[in-house]
Amino acid sequence: MTLIDTSVIIDFLAGDKKIVSLIEEIADKGDVKTTSITEYELLKHKTKLKRHLAEDFLSELTVYPFDSAAAKEAAKTYKELQDAGRLVNENDLLIVGIALANDEVLLTRDQKLAKINKDSVKVV
C-alpha cells in the first residue's frame, strides 16, 4: 500500500510527468492515500486557485488522520532520529508516523526524509 506526501502532490498538480505517471500507476492498483497533515499543508495556500486545485485532488483520495497510533510511531521515529543526530521537519515526522501506523509506504520527493532508515519511506 502507498501513501503520498505533500511534495508528491505538489509535483503532480504541477504536471511533473514522472509523478503523474507514478500516481496513475498507484491509482490503477487501488486507492491513492495521503494524510491529514498533507491536507493541511495543501489547503493553507494563500491563493484561491491553488486551494481549489488541492481541494479537488484531495476529494479523490483517502485521507488518514493523525491519531494515537500515529503519534506513538512519530515519537518513536523522532527519538531514533534525535539519537542519530538526524532530525527532520516536525510535519514530516507526523506524516511518517501516520504511514507507519497504517502499514503504508510513504512516497516523497523530500530528500531530507532519506535520513529515515525505514522501508516505509521511499524518495521518488
PDB file of N, CA and C in Angstrom:
ATOM      1  N   MET A   1       0.836  -1.178   0.000  1.00  0.00           N
ATOM      2  CA  MET A   1       0.000   0.000   0.000  1.00  0.00           C
ATOM      3  C   MET A   1       0.884   1.246   0.000  1.00  0.00           C
ATOM      4  N   THR A   2       0.360   2.309  -0.576  1.00  0.00           N
ATOM      5  CA  THR A   2       1.167   3.509  -0.781  1.00  0.00           C
ATOM      6  C   THR A   2       0.430   4.760  -0.332  1.00  0.00           C
ATOM      7  N   LEU A   3       1.170   5.647   0.300  1.00  0.00           N
ATOM      8  CA  LEU A   3       0.659   6.923   0.777  1.00  0.00           C
ATOM      9  C   LEU A   3       1.556   8.012   0.187  1.00  0.00           C
ATOM     10  N   ILE A   4       0.967   9.095  -0.307  1.00  0.00           N
ATOM     11  CA  ILE A   4       1.767  10.161  -0.927  1.00  0.00           C
ATOM     12  C   ILE A   4       1.780  11.400  -0.037  1.00  0.00           C
ATOM     13  N   ASP A   5       2.920  12.082  -0.032  1.00  0.00           N
ATOM     14  CA  ASP A   5       3.047  13.267   0.816  1.00  0.00           C
ATOM     15  C   ASP A   5       2.855  14.552   0.016  1.00  0.00           C
ATOM     16  N   THR A   6       3.012  15.657   0.682  1.00  0.00           N
ATOM     17  CA  THR A   6       2.779  16.979   0.106  1.00  0.00           C
ATOM     18  C   THR A   6       3.643  17.231  -1.116  1.00  0.00           C
ATOM     19  N   SER A   7       4.911  16.884  -1.044  1.00  0.00           N
ATOM     20  CA  SER A   7       5.822  17.155  -2.165  1.00  0.00           C
ATOM     21  C   SER A   7       5.407  16.405  -3.425  1.00  0.00           C
ATOM     22  N   VAL A   8       4.921  15.187  -3.267  1.00  0.00           N
ATOM     23  CA  VAL A   8       4.466  14.403  -4.417  1.00  0.00           C
ATOM     24  C   VAL A   8       3.208  15.025  -5.016  1.00  0.00           C
ATOM     25  N   ILE A   9       2.275  15.433  -4.163  1.00  0.00           N
ATOM     26  CA  ILE A   9       1.032  16.028  -4.661  1.00  0.00           C
ATOM     27  C   ILE A   9       1.305  17.356  -5.358  1.00  0.00           C
ATOM     28  N   ILE A  10       2.173  18.173  -4.800  1.00  0.00           N
ATOM     29  CA  ILE A  10       2.508  19.457  -5.434  1.00  0.00           C
ATOM     30  C   ILE A  10       3.086  19.221  -6.827  1.00  0.00           C
ATOM     31  N   ASP A  11       3.989  18.257  -6.939  1.00  0.00           N
ATOM     32  CA  ASP A  11       4.572  17.968  -8.252  1.00  0.00           C
ATOM     33  C   ASP A  11       3.537  17.373  -9.206  1.00  0.00           C
ATOM     34  N   PHE A  12       2.613  16.578  -8.684  1.00  0.00           N
ATOM     35  CA  PHE A  12       1.528  16.046  -9.512  1.00  0.00           C
ATOM     36  C   PHE A  12       0.671  17.189 -10.057  1.00  0.00           C
ATOM     37  N   LEU A  13       0.271  18.095  -9.172  1.00  0.00           N
ATOM     38  CA  LEU A  13      -0.572  19.226  -9.589  1.00  0.00           C
ATOM     39  C   LEU A  13       0.156  20.156 -10.553  1.00  0.00           C
ATOM     40  N   ALA A  14       1.494  20.175 -10.479  1.00  0.00           N
ATOM     41  CA  ALA A  14       2.299  20.996 -11.392  1.00  0.00           C
ATOM     42  C   ALA A  14       2.518  20.297 -12.738  1.00  0.00           C
ATOM     43  N   GLY A  15       2.071  19.043 -12.841  1.00  0.00           N
ATOM     44  CA  GLY A  15       2.174  18.330 -14.108  1.00  0.00           C
ATOM     45  C   GLY A  15       3.483  17.602 -14.338  1.00  0.00           C
ATOM     46  N   ASP A  16       4.261  17.365 -13.280  1.00  0.00           N
ATOM     47  CA  ASP A  16       5.513  16.614 -13.411  1.00  0.00           C
ATOM     48  C   ASP A  16       5.198  15.233 -14.001  1.00  0.00           C
ATOM     49  N   LYS A  17       5.728  14.959 -15.181  1.00  0.00           N
ATOM     50  CA  LYS A  17       5.387  13.737 -15.912  1.00  0.00           C
ATOM     51  C   LYS A  17       5.711  12.462 -15.131  1.00  0.00           C
ATOM     52  N   LYS A  18       6.856  12.441 -14.475  1.00  0.00           N
ATOM     53  CA  LYS A  18       7.246  11.263 -13.693  1.00  0.00           C
ATOM     54  C   LYS A  18       6.233  10.997 -12.576  1.00  0.00           C
ATOM     55  N   ILE A  19       5.854  12.056 -11.883  1.00  0.00           N
ATOM     56  CA  ILE A  19       4.931  11.902 -10.756  1.00  0.00           C
ATOM     57  C   ILE A  19       3.517  11.602 -11.242  1.00  0.00           C
ATOM     58  N   VAL A  20       3.085  12.257 -12.317  1.00  0.00           N
ATOM     59  CA  VAL A  20       1.757  11.966 -12.875  1.00  0.00           C
ATOM     60  C   VAL A  20       1.670  10.482 -13.230  1.00  0.00           C
ATOM     61  N   SER A  21       2.693   9.963 -13.881  1.00  0.00           N
ATOM     62  CA  SER A  21       2.731   8.549 -14.254  1.00  0.00           C
ATOM     63  C   SER A  21       2.699   7.655 -13.014  1.00  0.00           C
ATOM     64  N   LEU A  22       3.455   8.027 -11.994  1.00  0.00           N
ATOM     65  CA  LEU A  22       3.501   7.257 -10.759  1.00  0.00           C
ATOM     66  C   LEU A  22       2.138   7.226 -10.069  1.00  0.00           C
ATOM     67  N   ILE A  23       1.476   8.369  -9.978  1.00  0.00           N
ATOM     68  CA  ILE A  23       0.157   8.444  -9.335  1.00  0.00           C
ATOM     69  C   ILE A  23      -0.867   7.642 -10.132  1.00  0.00           C
ATOM     70  N   GLU A  24      -0.804   7.719 -11.448  1.00  0.00           N
ATOM     71  CA  GLU A  24      -1.719   6.932 -12.284  1.00  0.00           C
ATOM     72  C   GLU A  24      -1.506   5.441 -12.055  1.00  0.00           C
ATOM     73  N   GLU A  25      -0.251   5.033 -11.924  1.00  0.00           N
ATOM     74  CA  GLU A  25       0.071   3.627 -11.657  1.00  0.00           C
ATOM     75  C   GLU A  25      -0.493   3.195 -10.304  1.00  0.00           C
ATOM     76  N   ILE A  26      -0.335   4.039  -9.297  1.00  0.00           N
ATOM     77  CA  ILE A  26      -0.871   3.740  -7.963  1.00  0.00           C
ATOM     78  C   ILE A  26      -2.393   3.646  -8.022  1.00  0.00           C
ATOM     79  N   ALA A  27      -3.025   4.582  -8.708  1.00  0.00           N
ATOM     80  CA  ALA A  27      -4.487   4.600  -8.815  1.00  0.00           C
ATOM     81  C   ALA A  27      -5.005   3.350  -9.524  1.00  0.00           C
ATOM     82  N   ASP A  28      -4.262   2.871 -10.510  1.00  0.00           N
ATOM     83  CA  ASP A  28      -4.667   1.658 -11.227  1.00  0.00           C
ATOM     84  C   ASP A  28      -4.649   0.434 -10.317  1.00  0.00           C
ATOM     85  N   LYS A  29      -3.787   0.452  -9.309  1.00  0.00           N
ATOM     86  CA  LYS A  29      -3.664  -0.680  -8.386  1.00  0.00           C
ATOM     87  C   LYS A  29      -4.633  -0.584  -7.212  1.00  0.00           C
ATOM     88  N   GLY A  30      -5.214   0.581  -6.999  1.00  0.00           N
ATOM     89  CA  GLY A  30      -6.115   0.729  -5.861  1.00  0.00           C
ATOM     90  C   GLY A  30      -6.254   2.171  -5.436  1.00  0.00           C
ATOM     91  N   ASP A  31      -6.471   2.326  -4.153  1.00  0.00           N
ATOM     92  CA  ASP A  31      -6.749   3.619  -3.550  1.00  0.00           C
ATOM     93  C   ASP A  31      -5.487   4.476  -3.423  1.00  0.00           C
ATOM     94  N   VAL A  32      -5.578   5.752  -3.800  1.00  0.00           N
ATOM     95  CA  VAL A  32      -4.489   6.702  -3.571  1.00  0.00           C
ATOM     96  C   VAL A  32      -4.754   7.339  -2.210  1.00  0.00           C
ATOM     97  N   LYS A  33      -3.726   7.359  -1.363  1.00  0.00           N
ATOM     98  CA  LYS A  33      -3.907   7.810   0.014  1.00  0.00           C
ATOM     99  C   LYS A  33      -2.928   8.913   0.372  1.00  0.00           C
ATOM    100  N   THR A  34      -3.332   9.725   1.344  1.00  0.00           N
ATOM    101  CA  THR A  34      -2.465  10.758   1.900  1.00  0.00           C
ATOM    102  C   THR A  34      -2.819  10.925   3.372  1.00  0.00           C
ATOM    103  N   THR A  35      -2.352  12.011   3.984  1.00  0.00           N
ATOM    104  CA  THR A  35      -2.577  12.227   5.414  1.00  0.00           C
ATOM    105  C   THR A  35      -3.283  13.552   5.670  1.00  0.00           C
ATOM    106  N   SER A  36      -3.847  13.670   6.860  1.00  0.00           N
ATOM    107  CA  SER A  36      -4.480  14.929   7.252  1.00  0.00           C
ATOM    108  C   SER A  36      -3.442  16.047   7.379  1.00  0.00           C
ATOM    109  N   ILE A  37      -2.194  15.702   7.660  1.00  0.00           N
ATOM    110  CA  ILE A  37      -1.127  16.708   7.733  1.00  0.00           C
ATOM    111  C   ILE A  37      -0.867  17.272   6.337  1.00  0.00           C
ATOM    112  N   THR A  38      -0.793  16.392   5.349  1.00  0.00           N
ATOM    113  CA  THR A  38      -0.622  16.830   3.958  1.00  0.00           C
ATOM    114  C   THR A  38      -1.816  17.666   3.520  1.00  0.00           C
ATOM    115  N   GLU A  39      -3.012  17.244   3.904  1.00  0.00           N
ATOM    116  CA  GLU A  39      -4.217  18.012   3.572  1.00  0.00           C
ATOM    117  C   GLU A  39      -4.091  19.441   4.112  1.00  0.00           C
ATOM    118  N   TYR A  40      -3.676  19.583   5.357  1.00  0.00           N
ATOM    119  CA  TYR A  40      -3.468  20.898   5.957  1.00  0.00           C
ATOM    120  C   TYR A  40      -2.443  21.701   5.169  1.00  0.00           C
ATOM    121  N   GLU A  41      -1.298  21.072   4.866  1.00  0.00           N
ATOM    122  CA  GLU A  41      -0.239  21.791   4.159  1.00  0.00           C
ATOM    123  C   GLU A  41      -0.711  22.292   2.796  1.00  0.00           C
ATOM    124  N   LEU A  42      -1.519  21.510   2.115  1.00  0.00           N
ATOM    125  CA  LEU A  42      -2.010  21.915   0.793  1.00  0.00           C
ATOM    126  C   LEU A  42      -3.085  22.995   0.878  1.00  0.00           C
ATOM    127  N   LEU A  43      -3.954  22.899   1.870  1.00  0.00           N
ATOM    128  CA  LEU A  43      -5.082  23.830   1.964  1.00  0.00           C
ATOM    129  C   LEU A  43      -4.718  25.183   2.565  1.00  0.00           C
ATOM    130  N   LYS A  44      -3.529  25.316   3.107  1.00  0.00           N
ATOM    131  CA  LYS A  44      -3.145  26.604   3.686  1.00  0.00           C
ATOM    132  C   LYS A  44      -2.627  27.584   2.643  1.00  0.00           C
ATOM    133  N   HIS A  45      -2.585  27.172   1.371  1.00  0.00           N
ATOM    134  CA  HIS A  45      -2.140  28.083   0.307  1.00  0.00           C
ATOM    135  C   HIS A  45      -2.965  29.362   0.326  1.00  0.00           C
ATOM    136  N   LYS A  46      -2.309  30.456   0.047  1.00  0.00           N
ATOM    137  CA  LYS A  46      -2.971  31.759   0.102  1.00  0.00           C
ATOM    138  C   LYS A  46      -3.837  32.036  -1.115  1.00  0.00           C
ATOM    139  N   THR A  47      -3.483  31.472  -2.258  1.00  0.00           N
ATOM    140  CA  THR A  47      -4.258  31.783  -3.456  1.00  0.00           C
ATOM    141  C   THR A  47      -5.445  30.835  -3.580  1.00  0.00           C
ATOM    142  N   LYS A  48      -6.559  31.386  -3.964  1.00  0.00           N
ATOM    143  CA  LYS A  48      -7.791  30.621  -4.092  1.00  0.00           C
ATOM    144  C   LYS A  48      -7.651  29.513  -5.135  1.00  0.00           C
ATOM    145  N   LEU A  49      -6.955  29.802  -6.228  1.00  0.00           N
ATOM    146  CA  LEU A  49      -6.778  28.819  -7.288  1.00  0.00           C
ATOM    147  C   LEU A  49      -6.028  27.588  -6.780  1.00  0.00           C
ATOM    148  N   LYS A  50      -4.935  27.805  -6.057  1.00  0.00           N
ATOM    149  CA  LYS A  50      -4.166  26.674  -5.540  1.00  0.00           C
ATOM    150  C   LYS A  50      -4.979  25.870  -4.531  1.00  0.00           C
ATOM    151  N   ARG A  51      -5.726  26.559  -3.669  1.00  0.00           N
ATOM    152  CA  ARG A  51      -6.586  25.862  -2.710  1.00  0.00           C
ATOM    153  C   ARG A  51      -7.629  25.034  -3.439  1.00  0.00           C
ATOM    154  N   HIS A  52      -8.213  25.612  -4.489  1.00  0.00           N
ATOM    155  CA  HIS A  52      -9.252  24.921  -5.256  1.00  0.00           C
ATOM    156  C   HIS A  52      -8.685  23.660  -5.922  1.00  0.00           C
ATOM    157  N   LEU A  53      -7.508  23.767  -6.531  1.00  0.00           N
ATOM    158  CA  LEU A  53      -6.868  22.602  -7.157  1.00  0.00           C
ATOM    159  C   LEU A  53      -6.592  21.518  -6.119  1.00  0.00           C
ATOM    160  N   ALA A  54      -6.087  21.930  -4.972  1.00  0.00           N
ATOM    161  CA  ALA A  54      -5.787  20.974  -3.904  1.00  0.00           C
ATOM    162  C   ALA A  54      -7.059  20.309  -3.396  1.00  0.00           C
ATOM    163  N   GLU A  55      -8.117  21.090  -3.186  1.00  0.00           N
ATOM    164  CA  GLU A  55      -9.383  20.534  -2.710  1.00  0.00           C
ATOM    165  C   GLU A  55      -9.930  19.503  -3.687  1.00  0.00           C
ATOM    166  N   ASP A  56      -9.901  19.825  -4.972  1.00  0.00           N
ATOM    167  CA  ASP A  56     -10.391  18.888  -5.990  1.00  0.00           C
ATOM    168  C   ASP A  56      -9.603  17.586  -5.961  1.00  0.00           C
ATOM    169  N   PHE A  57      -8.279  17.694  -5.891  1.00  0.00           N
ATOM    170  CA  PHE A  57      -7.447  16.492  -5.882  1.00  0.00           C
ATOM    171  C   PHE A  57      -7.669  15.691  -4.600  1.00  0.00           C
ATOM    172  N   LEU A  58      -7.676  16.369  -3.461  1.00  0.00           N
ATOM    173  CA  LEU A  58      -7.844  15.686  -2.180  1.00  0.00           C
ATOM    174  C   LEU A  58      -9.184  14.964  -2.076  1.00  0.00           C
ATOM    175  N   SER A  59     -10.201  15.481  -2.744  1.00  0.00           N
ATOM    176  CA  SER A  59     -11.521  14.848  -2.682  1.00  0.00           C
ATOM    177  C   SER A  59     -11.515  13.448  -3.299  1.00  0.00           C
ATOM    178  N   GLU A  60     -10.494  13.148  -4.088  1.00  0.00           N
ATOM    179  CA  GLU A  60     -10.380  11.836  -4.732  1.00  0.00           C
ATOM    180  C   GLU A  60      -9.547  10.844  -3.912  1.00  0.00           C
ATOM    181  N   LEU A  61      -8.957  11.302  -2.819  1.00  0.00           N
ATOM    182  CA  LEU A  61      -8.035  10.472  -2.043  1.00  0.00           C
ATOM    183  C   LEU A  61      -8.646   9.992  -0.731  1.00  0.00           C
ATOM    184  N   THR A  62      -8.102   8.912  -0.215  1.00  0.00           N
ATOM    185  CA  THR A  62      -8.356   8.515   1.162  1.00  0.00           C
ATOM    186  C   THR A  62      -7.373   9.302   2.022  1.00  0.00           C
ATOM    187  N   VAL A  63      -7.875   9.961   3.068  1.00  0.00           N
ATOM    188  CA  VAL A  63      -7.026  10.784   3.936  1.00  0.00           C
ATOM    189  C   VAL A  63      -6.974  10.145   5.326  1.00  0.00           C
ATOM    190  N   TYR A  64      -5.775   9.680   5.697  1.00  0.00           N
ATOM    191  CA  TYR A  64      -5.581   9.107   7.028  1.00  0.00           C
ATOM    192  C   TYR A  64      -5.401  10.221   8.052  1.00  0.00           C
ATOM    193  N   PRO A  65      -6.062  10.107   9.216  1.00  0.00           N
ATOM    194  CA  PRO A  65      -5.904  11.117  10.263  1.00  0.00           C
ATOM    195  C   PRO A  65      -4.659  10.862  11.113  1.00  0.00           C
ATOM    196  N   PHE A  66      -4.257  11.895  11.834  1.00  0.00           N
ATOM    197  CA  PHE A  66      -3.198  11.752  12.831  1.00  0.00           C
ATOM    198  C   PHE A  66      -3.878  11.323  14.121  1.00  0.00           C
ATOM    199  N   ASP A  67      -3.660  10.078  14.518  1.00  0.00           N
ATOM    200  CA  ASP A  67      -4.313   9.537  15.708  1.00  0.00           C
ATOM    201  C   ASP A  67      -3.262   9.073  16.724  1.00  0.00           C
ATOM    202  N   SER A  68      -3.716   8.389  17.754  1.00  0.00           N
ATOM    203  CA  SER A  68      -2.817   7.955  18.823  1.00  0.00           C
ATOM    204  C   SER A  68      -1.725   7.006  18.314  1.00  0.00           C
ATOM    205  N   ALA A  69      -2.089   6.077  17.453  1.00  0.00           N
ATOM    206  CA  ALA A  69      -1.089   5.142  16.911  1.00  0.00           C
ATOM    207  C   ALA A  69      -0.037   5.893  16.101  1.00  0.00           C
ATOM    208  N   ALA A  70      -0.477   6.873  15.319  1.00  0.00           N
ATOM    209  CA  ALA A  70       0.456   7.683  14.524  1.00  0.00           C
ATOM    210  C   ALA A  70       1.357   8.516  15.437  1.00  0.00           C
ATOM    211  N   ALA A  71       0.787   9.045  16.526  1.00  0.00           N
ATOM    212  CA  ALA A  71       1.579   9.835  17.475  1.00  0.00           C
ATOM    213  C   ALA A  71       2.694   8.983  18.080  1.00  0.00           C
ATOM    214  N   LYS A  72       2.375   7.756  18.419  1.00  0.00           N
ATOM    215  CA  LYS A  72       3.381   6.861  19.000  1.00  0.00           C
ATOM    216  C   LYS A  72       4.486   6.544  17.993  1.00  0.00           C
ATOM    217  N   GLU A  73       4.103   6.283  16.746  1.00  0.00           N
ATOM    218  CA  GLU A  73       5.102   5.995  15.707  1.00  0.00           C
ATOM    219  C   GLU A  73       5.972   7.219  15.421  1.00  0.00           C
ATOM    220  N   ALA A  74       5.345   8.395  15.382  1.00  0.00           N
ATOM    221  CA  ALA A  74       6.098   9.631  15.130  1.00  0.00           C
ATOM    222  C   ALA A  74       7.086   9.895  16.264  1.00  0.00           C
ATOM    223  N   ALA A  75       6.644   9.693  17.505  1.00  0.00           N
ATOM    224  CA  ALA A  75       7.522   9.911  18.658  1.00  0.00           C
ATOM    225  C   ALA A  75       8.693   8.927  18.651  1.00  0.00           C
ATOM    226  N   LYS A  76       8.415   7.686  18.312  1.00  0.00           N
ATOM    227  CA  LYS A  76       9.477   6.670  18.222  1.00  0.00           C
ATOM    228  C   LYS A  76      10.492   7.050  17.142  1.00  0.00           C
ATOM    229  N   THR A  77       9.995   7.483  15.991  1.00  0.00           N
ATOM    230  CA  THR A  77      10.880   7.894  14.896  1.00  0.00           C
ATOM    231  C   THR A  77      11.687   9.125  15.292  1.00  0.00           C
ATOM    232  N   TYR A  78      11.045  10.084  15.964  1.00  0.00           N
ATOM    233  CA  TYR A  78      11.747  11.277  16.447  1.00  0.00           C
ATOM    234  C   TYR A  78      12.922  10.874  17.335  1.00  0.00           C
ATOM    235  N   LYS A  79      12.667   9.989  18.279  1.00  0.00           N
ATOM    236  CA  LYS A  79      13.713   9.558  19.216  1.00  0.00           C
ATOM    237  C   LYS A  79      14.866   8.900  18.462  1.00  0.00           C
ATOM    238  N   GLU A  80      14.540   8.034  17.492  1.00  0.00           N
ATOM    239  CA  GLU A  80      15.586   7.367  16.702  1.00  0.00           C
ATOM    240  C   GLU A  80      16.432   8.393  15.943  1.00  0.00           C
ATOM    241  N   LEU A  81      15.763   9.373  15.333  1.00  0.00           N
ATOM    242  CA  LEU A  81      16.482  10.399  14.575  1.00  0.00           C
ATOM    243  C   LEU A  81      17.290  11.314  15.493  1.00  0.00           C
ATOM    244  N   GLN A  82      16.711  11.657  16.638  1.00  0.00           N
ATOM    245  CA  GLN A  82      17.419  12.503  17.604  1.00  0.00           C
ATOM    246  C   GLN A  82      18.690  11.805  18.088  1.00  0.00           C
ATOM    247  N   ASP A  83      18.572  10.538  18.410  1.00  0.00           N
ATOM    248  CA  ASP A  83      19.734   9.772  18.877  1.00  0.00           C
ATOM    249  C   ASP A  83      20.825   9.703  17.813  1.00  0.00           C
ATOM    250  N   ALA A  84      20.411   9.701  16.542  1.00  0.00           N
ATOM    251  CA  ALA A  84      21.369   9.621  15.433  1.00  0.00           C
ATOM    252  C   ALA A  84      21.811  11.002  14.953  1.00  0.00           C
ATOM    253  N   GLY A  85      21.245  12.067  15.552  1.00  0.00           N
ATOM    254  CA  GLY A  85      21.585  13.430  15.142  1.00  0.00           C
ATOM    255  C   GLY A  85      21.096  13.777  13.748  1.00  0.00           C
ATOM    256  N   ARG A  86      19.920  13.242  13.374  1.00  0.00           N
ATOM    257  CA  ARG A  86      19.399  13.446  12.015  1.00  0.00           C
ATOM    258  C   ARG A  86      17.939  13.912  12.026  1.00  0.00           C
ATOM    259  N   LEU A  87      17.614  14.937  12.742  1.00  0.00           N
ATOM    260  CA  LEU A  87      16.228  15.393  12.837  1.00  0.00           C
ATOM    261  C   LEU A  87      15.707  15.934  11.508  1.00  0.00           C
ATOM    262  N   VAL A  88      14.396  15.801  11.325  1.00  0.00           N
ATOM    263  CA  VAL A  88      13.712  16.330  10.143  1.00  0.00           C
ATOM    264  C   VAL A  88      12.555  17.211  10.602  1.00  0.00           C
ATOM    265  N   ASN A  89      11.906  17.858   9.658  1.00  0.00           N
ATOM    266  CA  ASN A  89      10.773  18.737   9.906  1.00  0.00           C
ATOM    267  C   ASN A  89       9.682  18.021  10.708  1.00  0.00           C
ATOM    268  N   GLU A  90       9.081  18.751  11.636  1.00  0.00           N
ATOM    269  CA  GLU A  90       8.048  18.180  12.512  1.00  0.00           C
ATOM    270  C   GLU A  90       6.865  17.611  11.729  1.00  0.00           C
ATOM    271  N   ASN A  91       6.348  18.361  10.752  1.00  0.00           N
ATOM    272  CA  ASN A  91       5.226  17.852   9.957  1.00  0.00           C
ATOM    273  C   ASN A  91       5.598  16.564   9.241  1.00  0.00           C
ATOM    274  N   ASP A  92       6.835  16.484   8.759  1.00  0.00           N
ATOM    275  CA  ASP A  92       7.289  15.263   8.092  1.00  0.00           C
ATOM    276  C   ASP A  92       7.283  14.078   9.054  1.00  0.00           C
ATOM    277  N   LEU A  93       7.671  14.312  10.291  1.00  0.00           N
ATOM    278  CA  LEU A  93       7.627  13.245  11.297  1.00  0.00           C
ATOM    279  C   LEU A  93       6.200  12.765  11.535  1.00  0.00           C
ATOM    280  N   LEU A  94       5.258  13.700  11.570  1.00  0.00           N
ATOM    281  CA  LEU A  94       3.858  13.327  11.774  1.00  0.00           C
ATOM    282  C   LEU A  94       3.349  12.497  10.600  1.00  0.00           C
ATOM    283  N   ILE A  95       3.721  12.891   9.381  1.00  0.00           N
ATOM    284  CA  ILE A  95       3.322  12.152   8.180  1.00  0.00           C
ATOM    285  C   ILE A  95       3.924  10.744   8.200  1.00  0.00           C
ATOM    286  N   VAL A  96       5.197  10.634   8.559  1.00  0.00           N
ATOM    287  CA  VAL A  96       5.845   9.321   8.668  1.00  0.00           C
ATOM    288  C   VAL A  96       5.135   8.476   9.727  1.00  0.00           C
ATOM    289  N   GLY A  97       4.777   9.092  10.842  1.00  0.00           N
ATOM    290  CA  GLY A  97       4.049   8.374  11.891  1.00  0.00           C
ATOM    291  C   GLY A  97       2.737   7.802  11.391  1.00  0.00           C
ATOM    292  N   ILE A  98       2.013   8.578  10.598  1.00  0.00           N
ATOM    293  CA  ILE A  98       0.749   8.103  10.027  1.00  0.00           C
ATOM    294  C   ILE A  98       1.008   6.931   9.083  1.00  0.00           C
ATOM    295  N   ALA A  99       2.029   7.046   8.243  1.00  0.00           N
ATOM    296  CA  ALA A  99       2.360   5.959   7.310  1.00  0.00           C
ATOM    297  C   ALA A  99       2.692   4.674   8.077  1.00  0.00           C
ATOM    298  N   LEU A 100       3.539   4.791   9.086  1.00  0.00           N
ATOM    299  CA  LEU A 100       3.934   3.618   9.861  1.00  0.00           C
ATOM    300  C   LEU A 100       2.744   2.992  10.586  1.00  0.00           C
ATOM    301  N   ALA A 101       1.902   3.819  11.181  1.00  0.00           N
ATOM    302  CA  ALA A 101       0.750   3.320  11.933  1.00  0.00           C
ATOM    303  C   ALA A 101      -0.249   2.590  11.044  1.00  0.00           C
ATOM    304  N   ASN A 102      -0.246   2.922   9.757  1.00  0.00           N
ATOM    305  CA  ASN A 102      -1.199   2.315   8.826  1.00  0.00           C
ATOM    306  C   ASN A 102      -0.541   1.317   7.874  1.00  0.00           C
ATOM    307  N   ASP A 103       0.693   0.928   8.178  1.00  0.00           N
ATOM    308  CA  ASP A 103       1.438  -0.031   7.347  1.00  0.00           C
ATOM    309  C   ASP A 103       1.464   0.370   5.878  1.00  0.00           C
ATOM    310  N   GLU A 104       1.737   1.646   5.643  1.00  0.00           N
ATOM    311  CA  GLU A 104       1.815   2.181   4.286  1.00  0.00           C
ATOM    312  C   GLU A 104       3.255   2.571   3.970  1.00  0.00           C
ATOM    313  N   VAL A 105       3.604   2.535   2.694  1.00  0.00           N
ATOM    314  CA  VAL A 105       4.885   3.058   2.230  1.00  0.00           C
ATOM    315  C   VAL A 105       4.658   4.512   1.851  1.00  0.00           C
ATOM    316  N   LEU A 106       5.442   5.407   2.414  1.00  0.00           N
ATOM    317  CA  LEU A 106       5.328   6.834   2.124  1.00  0.00           C
ATOM    318  C   LEU A 106       6.200   7.185   0.929  1.00  0.00           C
ATOM    319  N   LEU A 107       5.582   7.748  -0.108  1.00  0.00           N
ATOM    320  CA  LEU A 107       6.326   8.261  -1.253  1.00  0.00           C
ATOM    321  C   LEU A 107       6.503   9.754  -1.078  1.00  0.00           C
ATOM    322  N   THR A 108       7.739  10.228  -1.241  1.00  0.00           N
ATOM    323  CA  THR A 108       8.060  11.638  -1.059  1.00  0.00           C
ATOM    324  C   THR A 108       9.090  12.078  -2.086  1.00  0.00           C
ATOM    325  N   ARG A 109       9.148  13.372  -2.329  1.00  0.00           N
ATOM    326  CA  ARG A 109      10.214  13.949  -3.149  1.00  0.00           C
ATOM    327  C   ARG A 109      11.248  14.627  -2.253  1.00  0.00           C
ATOM    328  N   ASP A 110      10.991  14.639  -0.969  1.00  0.00           N
ATOM    329  CA  ASP A 110      11.820  15.336   0.014  1.00  0.00           C
ATOM    330  C   ASP A 110      13.053  14.499   0.360  1.00  0.00           C
ATOM    331  N   GLN A 111      14.206  14.911  -0.148  1.00  0.00           N
ATOM    332  CA  GLN A 111      15.452  14.176   0.083  1.00  0.00           C
ATOM    333  C   GLN A 111      15.812  14.091   1.570  1.00  0.00           C
ATOM    334  N   LYS A 112      15.344  15.060   2.361  1.00  0.00           N
ATOM    335  CA  LYS A 112      15.653  15.038   3.797  1.00  0.00           C
ATOM    336  C   LYS A 112      15.057  13.807   4.480  1.00  0.00           C
ATOM    337  N   LEU A 113      13.975  13.289   3.912  1.00  0.00           N
ATOM    338  CA  LEU A 113      13.351  12.113   4.520  1.00  0.00           C
ATOM    339  C   LEU A 113      14.143  10.836   4.259  1.00  0.00           C
ATOM    340  N   ALA A 114      15.142  10.913   3.397  1.00  0.00           N
ATOM    341  CA  ALA A 114      16.033   9.766   3.194  1.00  0.00           C
ATOM    342  C   ALA A 114      16.817   9.471   4.475  1.00  0.00           C
ATOM    343  N   LYS A 115      16.850  10.440   5.404  1.00  0.00           N
ATOM    344  CA  LYS A 115      17.512  10.242   6.699  1.00  0.00           C
ATOM    345  C   LYS A 115      16.810   9.173   7.525  1.00  0.00           C
ATOM    346  N   ILE A 116      15.550   8.921   7.205  1.00  0.00           N
ATOM    347  CA  ILE A 116      14.768   7.944   7.952  1.00  0.00           C
ATOM    348  C   ILE A 116      15.036   6.578   7.334  1.00  0.00           C
ATOM    349  N   ASN A 117      15.775   5.766   8.043  1.00  0.00           N
ATOM    350  CA  ASN A 117      16.167   4.455   7.519  1.00  0.00           C
ATOM    351  C   ASN A 117      15.076   3.428   7.782  1.00  0.00           C
ATOM    352  N   LYS A 118      13.990   3.576   7.076  1.00  0.00           N
ATOM    353  CA  LYS A 118      12.881   2.640   7.219  1.00  0.00           C
ATOM    354  C   LYS A 118      12.422   2.238   5.826  1.00  0.00           C
ATOM    355  N   ASP A 119      11.992   1.004   5.698  1.00  0.00           N
ATOM    356  CA  ASP A 119      11.478   0.528   4.414  1.00  0.00           C
ATOM    357  C   ASP A 119      10.187   1.242   4.039  1.00  0.00           C
ATOM    358  N   SER A 120       9.579   1.913   5.004  1.00  0.00           N
ATOM    359  CA  SER A 120       8.291   2.548   4.754  1.00  0.00           C
ATOM    360  C   SER A 120       8.409   3.957   4.176  1.00  0.00           C
ATOM    361  N   VAL A 121       9.624   4.440   3.915  1.00  0.00           N
ATOM    362  CA  VAL A 121       9.817   5.762   3.306  1.00  0.00           C
ATOM    363  C   VAL A 121      10.611   5.584   2.020  1.00  0.00           C
ATOM    364  N   LYS A 122      10.029   6.054   0.918  1.00  0.00           N
ATOM    365  CA  LYS A 122      10.690   5.929  -0.385  1.00  0.00           C
ATOM    366  C   LYS A 122      10.745   7.298  -1.052  1.00  0.00           C
ATOM    367  N   VAL A 123      11.957   7.774  -1.322  1.00  0.00           N
ATOM    368  CA  VAL A 123      12.142   9.048  -2.026  1.00  0.00           C
ATOM    369  C   VAL A 123      12.067   8.754  -3.522  1.00  0.00           C
ATOM    370  N   VAL A 124      11.145   9.456  -4.204  1.00  0.00           N
ATOM    371  CA  VAL A 124      10.951   9.224  -5.653  1.00  0.00           C
ATOM    372  C   VAL A 124      11.422  10.401  -6.476  1.00  0.00           C
TER     373      VAL A 124
END
